[in-house]
């Protein structure tokens, strides 16, 4: 990082500064093995729900659908018997 930033290449200097500032956080994340996979999965679930709820007239219904889909155990809604 030091050698790269001393070259004064603008595309390298800025990321090197960010890495230096967040060095402790980066090393802690690597050591603990954490990732943002769960947050990304939850974000994807919300986006899919928004696409599914395209025709909803009220945002409260959309929020209720997100809460229903994000609940712990799977909830199976009743379906008509043929």
N, C-alpha and C. Protein backbone atom coordinates (compact mmCIF):
# COMPACT_ATOMS: atom_id res chain seq x y z
N UNK A 1 0.84 -1.19 0.00
CA UNK A 1 0.00 0.00 0.00
C UNK A 1 0.88 1.25 0.00
N UNK A 2 1.93 1.22 0.78
CA UNK A 2 2.82 2.38 0.86
C UNK A 2 3.47 2.71 -0.46
N UNK A 3 4.04 1.68 -1.10
CA UNK A 3 4.69 1.91 -2.40
C UNK A 3 3.69 2.38 -3.45
N UNK A 4 2.52 1.78 -3.45
CA UNK A 4 1.51 2.14 -4.45
C UNK A 4 1.05 3.58 -4.27
N UNK A 5 0.86 4.01 -3.02
CA UNK A 5 0.38 5.39 -2.82
C UNK A 5 1.48 6.42 -3.06
N UNK A 6 2.73 6.04 -2.87
CA UNK A 6 3.83 6.98 -3.16
C UNK A 6 3.98 7.25 -4.65
N UNK A 7 3.45 6.38 -5.47
CA UNK A 7 3.52 6.61 -6.93
C UNK A 7 2.61 7.76 -7.35
N UNK A 8 1.70 8.15 -6.48
CA UNK A 8 0.79 9.27 -6.74
C UNK A 8 -0.13 9.05 -7.93
N UNK A 9 -0.49 7.81 -8.17
CA UNK A 9 -1.48 7.51 -9.21
C UNK A 9 -2.85 7.73 -8.57
N UNK A 10 -3.66 8.64 -9.11
CA UNK A 10 -4.93 9.00 -8.45
C UNK A 10 -5.85 7.80 -8.21
N UNK A 11 -5.85 6.84 -9.12
CA UNK A 11 -6.74 5.69 -8.98
C UNK A 11 -6.29 4.77 -7.84
N UNK A 12 -5.05 4.91 -7.40
CA UNK A 12 -4.50 4.06 -6.34
C UNK A 12 -4.47 4.79 -5.00
N UNK A 13 -4.22 6.09 -5.01
CA UNK A 13 -4.03 6.84 -3.77
C UNK A 13 -5.29 6.80 -2.91
N UNK A 14 -6.45 7.03 -3.50
CA UNK A 14 -7.70 7.06 -2.73
C UNK A 14 -8.02 5.71 -2.08
N UNK A 15 -8.01 4.58 -2.83
CA UNK A 15 -8.27 3.29 -2.17
C UNK A 15 -7.25 2.95 -1.09
N UNK A 16 -5.98 3.32 -1.29
CA UNK A 16 -4.96 3.07 -0.27
C UNK A 16 -5.27 3.82 1.02
N UNK A 17 -5.73 5.05 0.90
CA UNK A 17 -6.11 5.81 2.09
C UNK A 17 -7.27 5.18 2.82
N UNK A 18 -8.25 4.69 2.07
CA UNK A 18 -9.39 4.03 2.69
C UNK A 18 -8.97 2.75 3.40
N UNK A 19 -8.08 2.00 2.77
CA UNK A 19 -7.60 0.77 3.40
C UNK A 19 -6.84 1.09 4.67
N UNK A 20 -6.01 2.13 4.65
CA UNK A 20 -5.27 2.53 5.85
C UNK A 20 -6.21 2.92 6.99
N UNK A 21 -7.24 3.73 6.64
CA UNK A 21 -8.18 4.19 7.67
C UNK A 21 -8.97 3.04 8.28
N UNK A 22 -9.32 2.04 7.48
CA UNK A 22 -10.17 0.94 7.95
C UNK A 22 -9.39 -0.34 8.22
N UNK A 23 -8.07 -0.23 8.34
CA UNK A 23 -7.20 -1.41 8.49
C UNK A 23 -7.62 -2.30 9.65
N UNK A 24 -7.84 -1.72 10.84
CA UNK A 24 -8.22 -2.52 12.01
C UNK A 24 -9.54 -3.24 11.79
N UNK A 25 -10.50 -2.54 11.19
CA UNK A 25 -11.81 -3.17 10.92
C UNK A 25 -11.67 -4.31 9.91
N UNK A 26 -10.86 -4.12 8.89
CA UNK A 26 -10.66 -5.15 7.88
C UNK A 26 -10.03 -6.39 8.51
N UNK A 27 -9.00 -6.19 9.33
CA UNK A 27 -8.33 -7.32 9.96
C UNK A 27 -9.25 -8.04 10.95
N UNK A 28 -10.07 -7.29 11.69
CA UNK A 28 -11.02 -7.90 12.62
C UNK A 28 -12.05 -8.73 11.88
N UNK A 29 -12.55 -8.23 10.77
CA UNK A 29 -13.53 -8.96 9.97
C UNK A 29 -12.93 -10.26 9.44
N UNK A 30 -11.71 -10.21 8.98
CA UNK A 30 -11.05 -11.41 8.47
C UNK A 30 -10.82 -12.41 9.60
N UNK A 31 -10.36 -11.91 10.74
CA UNK A 31 -10.07 -12.79 11.87
C UNK A 31 -11.33 -13.47 12.39
N UNK A 32 -12.45 -12.75 12.49
CA UNK A 32 -13.69 -13.31 13.02
C UNK A 32 -14.47 -14.10 11.98
N UNK A 33 -14.16 -13.90 10.71
CA UNK A 33 -14.85 -14.63 9.65
C UNK A 33 -16.25 -14.10 9.35
N UNK A 34 -16.50 -12.84 9.67
CA UNK A 34 -17.81 -12.26 9.39
C UNK A 34 -17.90 -11.83 7.93
N UNK A 35 -19.12 -11.77 7.44
CA UNK A 35 -19.35 -11.23 6.11
C UNK A 35 -20.72 -10.57 6.10
N UNK A 36 -21.04 -9.90 5.03
CA UNK A 36 -22.34 -9.25 4.93
C UNK A 36 -23.31 -10.11 4.14
N UNK A 37 -23.09 -11.41 4.08
CA UNK A 37 -23.94 -12.31 3.29
C UNK A 37 -25.37 -12.31 3.79
N UNK A 38 -25.58 -12.33 5.11
CA UNK A 38 -26.96 -12.34 5.63
C UNK A 38 -27.70 -11.06 5.28
N UNK A 39 -27.01 -9.94 5.37
CA UNK A 39 -27.65 -8.66 5.05
C UNK A 39 -28.00 -8.63 3.57
N UNK A 40 -27.10 -9.10 2.72
CA UNK A 40 -27.36 -9.12 1.28
C UNK A 40 -28.52 -10.06 0.96
N UNK A 41 -28.59 -11.20 1.64
CA UNK A 41 -29.70 -12.13 1.40
C UNK A 41 -31.03 -11.50 1.81
N UNK A 42 -31.04 -10.81 2.93
CA UNK A 42 -32.26 -10.15 3.39
C UNK A 42 -32.66 -9.04 2.42
N UNK A 43 -31.69 -8.28 1.94
CA UNK A 43 -31.95 -7.23 0.96
C UNK A 43 -32.55 -7.81 -0.31
N UNK A 44 -32.02 -8.96 -0.76
CA UNK A 44 -32.54 -9.60 -1.95
C UNK A 44 -33.98 -10.07 -1.73
N UNK A 45 -34.26 -10.59 -0.54
CA UNK A 45 -35.62 -11.05 -0.22
C UNK A 45 -36.60 -9.87 -0.28
N UNK A 46 -36.18 -8.71 0.22
CA UNK A 46 -37.04 -7.52 0.18
C UNK A 46 -37.28 -7.09 -1.27
N UNK A 47 -36.23 -7.10 -2.08
CA UNK A 47 -36.39 -6.70 -3.49
C UNK A 47 -37.33 -7.64 -4.24
N UNK A 48 -37.22 -8.93 -3.99
CA UNK A 48 -38.13 -9.89 -4.63
C UNK A 48 -39.56 -9.66 -4.17
N UNK A 49 -39.75 -9.37 -2.89
CA UNK A 49 -41.08 -9.10 -2.37
C UNK A 49 -41.67 -7.85 -3.00
N UNK A 50 -40.85 -6.83 -3.20
CA UNK A 50 -41.33 -5.60 -3.84
C UNK A 50 -41.78 -5.89 -5.26
N UNK A 51 -41.03 -6.74 -5.98
CA UNK A 51 -41.45 -7.11 -7.33
C UNK A 51 -42.75 -7.91 -7.31
N UNK A 52 -42.90 -8.78 -6.31
CA UNK A 52 -44.12 -9.58 -6.21
C UNK A 52 -45.32 -8.70 -5.89
N UNK A 53 -45.12 -7.64 -5.12
CA UNK A 53 -46.21 -6.79 -4.66
C UNK A 53 -46.43 -5.60 -5.60
N UNK A 54 -46.12 -5.76 -6.85
CA UNK A 54 -46.18 -4.65 -7.81
C UNK A 54 -47.57 -4.01 -7.86
N UNK A 55 -48.64 -4.76 -7.73
CA UNK A 55 -49.99 -4.20 -7.87
C UNK A 55 -50.60 -3.69 -6.59
N UNK A 56 -49.89 -3.75 -5.47
CA UNK A 56 -50.47 -3.29 -4.20
C UNK A 56 -50.75 -1.80 -4.27
N UNK A 57 -51.88 -1.40 -3.74
CA UNK A 57 -52.24 0.02 -3.76
C UNK A 57 -51.72 0.77 -2.55
N UNK A 58 -51.40 0.05 -1.50
CA UNK A 58 -51.01 0.68 -0.25
C UNK A 58 -49.64 0.16 0.19
N UNK A 59 -48.77 1.06 0.62
CA UNK A 59 -47.44 0.63 1.06
C UNK A 59 -47.50 -0.16 2.36
N UNK A 60 -48.57 0.03 3.15
CA UNK A 60 -48.71 -0.76 4.38
C UNK A 60 -48.84 -2.24 4.05
N UNK A 61 -49.51 -2.56 2.94
CA UNK A 61 -49.63 -3.95 2.51
C UNK A 61 -48.26 -4.51 2.11
N UNK A 62 -47.46 -3.70 1.46
CA UNK A 62 -46.11 -4.13 1.08
C UNK A 62 -45.26 -4.39 2.33
N UNK A 63 -45.33 -3.50 3.29
CA UNK A 63 -44.56 -3.68 4.52
C UNK A 63 -45.03 -4.94 5.27
N UNK A 64 -46.34 -5.18 5.29
CA UNK A 64 -46.86 -6.39 5.93
C UNK A 64 -46.36 -7.64 5.21
N UNK A 65 -46.30 -7.61 3.89
CA UNK A 65 -45.81 -8.76 3.12
C UNK A 65 -44.33 -9.00 3.41
N UNK A 66 -43.54 -7.94 3.51
CA UNK A 66 -42.11 -8.10 3.84
C UNK A 66 -41.95 -8.70 5.23
N UNK A 67 -42.73 -8.23 6.19
CA UNK A 67 -42.66 -8.79 7.55
C UNK A 67 -43.08 -10.25 7.56
N UNK A 68 -44.11 -10.59 6.79
CA UNK A 68 -44.58 -11.97 6.73
C UNK A 68 -43.53 -12.88 6.13
N UNK A 69 -42.90 -12.44 5.05
CA UNK A 69 -41.87 -13.27 4.41
C UNK A 69 -40.58 -13.32 5.22
N UNK A 70 -40.34 -12.35 6.07
CA UNK A 70 -39.11 -12.31 6.84
C UNK A 70 -39.26 -12.98 8.21
N UNK A 71 -40.44 -13.47 8.50
CA UNK A 71 -40.68 -14.13 9.79
C UNK A 71 -39.83 -15.39 9.89
N UNK A 72 -39.58 -15.83 11.11
CA UNK A 72 -38.73 -17.00 11.34
C UNK A 72 -39.21 -18.27 10.65
N UNK A 73 -40.16 -18.99 11.23
CA UNK A 73 -40.59 -20.25 10.60
C UNK A 73 -41.45 -19.96 9.37
N UNK A 74 -41.40 -20.85 8.39
CA UNK A 74 -42.21 -20.62 7.19
C UNK A 74 -43.70 -20.72 7.51
N UNK A 75 -44.46 -19.78 7.00
CA UNK A 75 -45.90 -19.75 7.22
C UNK A 75 -46.56 -20.08 5.90
N UNK A 76 -47.35 -21.16 5.88
CA UNK A 76 -48.05 -21.56 4.66
C UNK A 76 -49.46 -21.04 4.72
N UNK A 77 -49.81 -20.19 3.79
CA UNK A 77 -51.14 -19.64 3.74
C UNK A 77 -52.11 -20.69 3.23
N UNK A 78 -53.37 -20.62 3.70
CA UNK A 78 -54.34 -21.62 3.24
C UNK A 78 -54.60 -21.47 1.75
N UNK A 79 -54.78 -22.59 1.09
CA UNK A 79 -55.10 -22.59 -0.34
C UNK A 79 -56.41 -23.29 -0.54
N UNK A 80 -57.16 -22.91 -1.56
CA UNK A 80 -58.45 -23.55 -1.81
C UNK A 80 -58.27 -25.05 -2.14
N UNK A 81 -59.18 -25.85 -1.65
CA UNK A 81 -59.14 -27.28 -1.94
C UNK A 81 -59.86 -27.52 -3.26
N UNK A 82 -59.21 -28.23 -4.20
CA UNK A 82 -59.86 -28.43 -5.51
C UNK A 82 -61.03 -29.36 -5.46
